[in-house]
Amino acid sequence: MISEMLYTTYFEHLLKGRRAECARIVQSLLDQQIDIKKLYEDLFQKSLYEVGRLWETNRISVAREHLVTAMTEGLLNLVYPTLFLGKKINKKVVISCAANEFHQIGGKMAADIFEIHGWDSHFLGANTPLDQLLTFIDEVKPDLVGMSLSVYFNMPSLIEGIEAIRSAFGDLDIAVGGQALNWGGLDRIAKYSNTVCIRSMVELEDIFKSS
């Protein structure tokens, strides 16, 4: 369990670029065998959303936002030893950010959660060109494709990606997630068959219950 006091301490260190202090907090939580989903949602995701809000209201600089993002990506590496301990199942997922989307942490966390549940996850990172994504899907033949979108401005690229996957791969399941969904676009995504919106770790868990 992450108390409000612990979160506040972590967030203060994060904003000030204190990498070692943040790493000690994360490692302590891992040593206590915290549920990884809780760690991702209640520490990493919560702090990144707050940093995004501070940047949008001009309370921190772009440089500060980039620093926090880079630090958080590094802290995710501390979780790696725990990702592959569970029993593997015969399922594969390809997760990519939409074209022109450069915020990749949300997609990376989702890929990690799939690994914890025994899936083979292929995370392609930020700004994956659509033609390359389609080629990769054809090579891997996944059971599911995940699309991540953090900036609402890039919604047209996401829709283009969904339509291209639909056209090339028929009824292949698609899951869409990311902070941008908090700003809208759910109705545009809902019209596509076999396509779901994932707005939280709880909703992500529903995929594994049905798989």
Protein backbone atom coordinates (compact mmCIF):
# COMPACT_ATOMS: atom_id res chain seq x y z
CA MET A 1 0.00 0.00 0.00
CA ILE A 2 1.32 3.44 -0.94
CA SER A 3 0.40 6.01 1.67
CA GLU A 4 -0.25 9.63 0.75
CA MET A 5 2.82 10.63 2.77
CA LEU A 6 5.04 8.22 0.84
CA TYR A 7 3.62 9.37 -2.47
CA THR A 8 4.19 13.03 -1.56
CA THR A 9 7.79 12.32 -0.57
CA TYR A 10 8.40 10.43 -3.80
CA PHE A 11 6.81 13.19 -5.88
CA GLU A 12 8.94 15.89 -4.28
CA HIS A 13 12.10 13.90 -5.01
CA LEU A 14 10.91 13.26 -8.56
CA LEU A 15 10.30 16.93 -9.34
CA LYS A 16 13.71 17.87 -7.99
CA GLY A 17 15.46 15.19 -10.03
CA ARG A 18 16.63 13.15 -7.04
CA ARG A 19 17.06 9.85 -8.86
CA ALA A 20 18.69 7.93 -5.99
CA GLU A 21 16.00 8.87 -3.48
CA CYS A 22 13.23 7.83 -5.88
CA ALA A 23 15.01 4.55 -6.58
CA ARG A 24 15.28 3.79 -2.87
CA ILE A 25 11.54 4.29 -2.42
CA VAL A 26 10.67 2.08 -5.39
CA GLN A 27 13.10 -0.65 -4.35
CA SER A 28 11.73 -0.60 -0.80
CA LEU A 29 8.22 -1.15 -2.15
CA LEU A 30 9.46 -4.00 -4.35
CA ASP A 31 11.21 -5.57 -1.36
CA GLN A 32 7.84 -5.48 0.41
CA GLN A 33 6.42 -7.38 -2.60
CA ILE A 34 3.99 -4.66 -3.54
CA ASP A 35 1.56 -5.59 -6.28
CA ILE A 36 3.18 -4.28 -9.47
CA LYS A 37 -0.12 -2.98 -10.79
CA LYS A 38 -0.54 -0.87 -7.64
CA LEU A 39 3.02 0.42 -7.99
CA TYR A 40 2.40 1.44 -11.59
CA GLU A 41 -0.99 3.02 -10.98
CA ASP A 42 -0.56 4.62 -7.54
CA LEU A 43 3.03 5.82 -7.91
CA PHE A 44 4.21 6.04 -11.51
CA GLN A 45 0.97 6.84 -13.30
CA LYS A 46 -0.34 9.16 -10.60
CA SER A 47 2.88 11.18 -10.50
CA LEU A 48 3.15 11.41 -14.28
CA TYR A 49 -0.43 12.61 -14.61
CA GLU A 50 0.26 15.29 -12.00
CA VAL A 51 3.44 16.36 -13.80
CA GLY A 52 1.44 16.59 -17.02
CA ARG A 53 -1.09 18.83 -15.27
CA LEU A 54 1.67 21.07 -13.92
CA TRP A 55 3.19 21.38 -17.38
CA GLU A 56 -0.16 22.16 -19.02
CA THR A 57 -0.73 24.98 -16.51
CA ASN A 58 2.78 26.37 -17.06
CA ARG A 59 3.90 25.60 -13.51
CA ILE A 60 6.88 23.55 -14.65
CA SER A 61 9.02 23.73 -17.78
CA VAL A 62 9.23 21.28 -20.67
CA ALA A 63 12.75 20.45 -19.48
CA ARG A 64 11.42 19.51 -16.03
CA GLU A 65 8.69 17.35 -17.58
CA HIS A 66 11.29 15.59 -19.72
CA LEU A 67 13.48 15.01 -16.67
CA VAL A 68 10.63 13.38 -14.76
CA THR A 69 9.73 11.20 -17.74
CA ALA A 70 13.31 10.02 -18.20
CA MET A 71 13.67 9.28 -14.49
CA THR A 72 10.45 7.28 -14.42
CA GLU A 73 11.52 5.18 -17.40
CA GLY A 74 14.73 4.38 -15.53
CA LEU A 75 12.81 3.44 -12.38
CA LEU A 76 10.72 0.99 -14.39
CA ASN A 77 13.88 -1.04 -14.92
CA LEU A 78 13.90 -1.88 -11.21
CA VAL A 79 10.73 -3.91 -11.78
CA TYR A 80 12.21 -6.12 -14.52
CA PRO A 81 13.35 -9.02 -12.30
CA THR A 82 9.73 -9.62 -11.26
CA LEU A 83 8.16 -9.54 -14.72
CA PHE A 84 8.98 -13.01 -15.93
CA LEU A 85 8.38 -15.14 -12.84
CA GLY A 86 4.84 -16.23 -13.67
CA LYS A 87 3.72 -19.12 -15.82
CA LYS A 88 3.76 -18.36 -19.54
CA ILE A 89 0.62 -18.77 -21.59
CA ASN A 90 0.32 -19.13 -25.33
CA LYS A 91 -0.68 -15.54 -26.08
CA LYS A 92 1.10 -12.61 -27.70
CA VAL A 93 0.46 -8.87 -27.68
CA VAL A 94 1.99 -6.09 -29.76
CA ILE A 95 1.88 -2.67 -28.08
CA SER A 96 2.77 0.54 -29.86
CA CYS A 97 2.30 4.26 -29.51
CA ALA A 98 0.32 5.90 -32.28
CA ALA A 99 2.29 7.61 -35.01
CA ASN A 100 3.53 11.05 -33.87
CA GLU A 101 3.02 10.05 -30.21
CA PHE A 102 6.29 10.42 -28.30
CA HIS A 103 5.08 9.59 -24.77
CA GLN A 104 5.75 5.89 -24.35
CA ILE A 105 5.72 5.14 -20.62
CA GLY A 106 2.03 4.21 -20.50
CA GLY A 107 2.47 1.68 -23.27
CA LYS A 108 5.59 0.30 -21.63
CA MET A 109 3.78 -0.21 -18.32
CA ALA A 110 0.94 -1.98 -20.12
CA ALA A 111 3.44 -4.28 -21.84
CA ASP A 112 4.95 -5.12 -18.45
CA ILE A 113 1.53 -6.03 -17.04
CA PHE A 114 0.94 -8.40 -19.94
CA GLU A 115 4.30 -10.07 -19.20
CA ILE A 116 3.33 -10.52 -15.55
CA HIS A 117 0.21 -12.33 -16.74
CA GLY A 118 2.25 -14.70 -18.88
CA TRP A 119 1.82 -13.08 -22.28
CA ASP A 120 4.73 -12.50 -24.67
CA SER A 121 4.63 -8.72 -25.10
CA HIS A 122 6.30 -6.86 -27.94
CA PHE A 123 6.58 -3.16 -27.09
CA LEU A 124 7.51 -1.03 -30.10
CA GLY A 125 7.89 2.29 -28.31
CA ALA A 126 7.12 5.85 -29.37
CA ASN A 127 6.13 7.16 -32.80
CA THR A 128 6.05 3.83 -34.63
CA PRO A 129 5.36 4.45 -38.33
CA LEU A 130 2.05 2.87 -39.29
CA ASP A 131 3.42 0.85 -42.20
CA GLN A 132 6.11 -0.63 -39.94
CA LEU A 133 3.52 -1.47 -37.27
CA LEU A 134 1.40 -3.34 -39.83
CA THR A 135 4.44 -5.26 -41.07
CA PHE A 136 5.38 -6.24 -37.53
CA ILE A 137 1.85 -7.39 -36.73
CA ASP A 138 1.91 -9.58 -39.84
CA GLU A 139 5.23 -11.11 -38.73
CA VAL A 140 4.31 -11.76 -35.08
CA LYS A 141 0.60 -12.59 -35.54
CA PRO A 142 -0.46 -11.47 -32.04
CA ASP A 143 -3.71 -12.21 -30.24
CA LEU A 144 -4.09 -8.52 -29.40
CA VAL A 145 -2.71 -5.14 -30.47
CA GLY A 146 -2.43 -2.32 -27.95
CA MET A 147 -2.34 1.32 -29.03
CA SER A 148 -1.19 4.05 -26.62
CA LEU A 149 -2.15 7.72 -26.89
CA SER A 150 -1.11 10.38 -24.37
CA VAL A 151 -1.72 13.62 -26.30
CA TYR A 152 -5.28 14.18 -27.52
CA PHE A 153 -3.99 16.20 -30.48
CA ASN A 154 -2.73 12.91 -31.95
CA MET A 155 -6.20 11.30 -31.99
CA PRO A 156 -6.36 11.37 -35.83
CA SER A 157 -3.19 9.24 -35.96
CA LEU A 158 -4.75 6.75 -33.56
CA ILE A 159 -7.95 6.50 -35.61
CA GLU A 160 -5.90 6.04 -38.77
CA GLY A 161 -4.01 3.23 -37.05
CA ILE A 162 -7.16 1.47 -35.91
CA GLU A 163 -8.67 1.66 -39.39
CA ALA A 164 -5.49 0.34 -41.00
CA ILE A 165 -5.32 -2.62 -38.59
CA ARG A 166 -9.01 -3.32 -39.16
CA SER A 167 -8.49 -3.26 -42.93
CA ALA A 168 -5.40 -5.48 -42.90
CA PHE A 169 -6.25 -7.94 -40.14
CA GLY A 170 -10.02 -8.19 -39.98
CA ASP A 171 -11.29 -8.87 -36.46
CA LEU A 172 -7.94 -8.79 -34.64
CA ASP A 173 -8.62 -7.48 -31.12
CA ILE A 174 -7.40 -3.95 -30.36
CA ALA A 175 -7.05 -2.26 -26.97
CA VAL A 176 -6.55 1.50 -26.75
CA GLY A 177 -5.22 3.26 -23.66
CA GLY A 178 -3.55 6.44 -22.51
CA GLN A 179 -4.12 9.74 -20.77
CA ALA A 180 -5.59 11.29 -23.92
CA LEU A 181 -8.75 9.25 -23.40
CA ASN A 182 -9.53 11.42 -20.39
CA TRP A 183 -10.09 14.29 -22.81
CA GLY A 184 -12.51 12.49 -25.11
CA GLY A 185 -12.58 10.43 -28.25
CA LEU A 186 -14.22 7.39 -26.66
CA ASP A 187 -17.21 7.64 -28.97
CA ARG A 188 -14.95 7.67 -32.03
CA ILE A 189 -13.15 4.54 -30.89
CA ALA A 190 -16.29 2.68 -29.76
CA LYS A 191 -17.66 2.44 -33.30
CA TYR A 192 -14.94 -0.04 -34.28
CA SER A 193 -15.62 -3.72 -33.67
CA ASN A 194 -13.38 -5.75 -31.35
CA THR A 195 -11.84 -2.52 -30.05
CA VAL A 196 -11.90 -1.55 -26.37
CA CYS A 197 -10.73 1.49 -24.41
CA ILE A 198 -8.56 0.91 -21.33
CA ARG A 199 -8.57 3.85 -18.92
CA SER A 200 -7.09 2.24 -15.82
CA MET A 201 -5.19 -0.77 -14.53
CA VAL A 202 -8.51 -2.16 -13.28
CA GLU A 203 -9.93 -2.11 -16.80
CA LEU A 204 -6.72 -3.64 -18.12
CA GLU A 205 -7.22 -6.55 -15.71
CA ASP A 206 -10.55 -7.32 -17.41
CA ILE A 207 -8.61 -8.45 -20.49
CA PHE A 208 -6.89 -11.17 -18.50
CA LYS A 209 -10.11 -12.33 -16.87
CA SER A 210 -11.58 -13.01 -20.28
CA SER A 211 -8.46 -14.46 -21.89
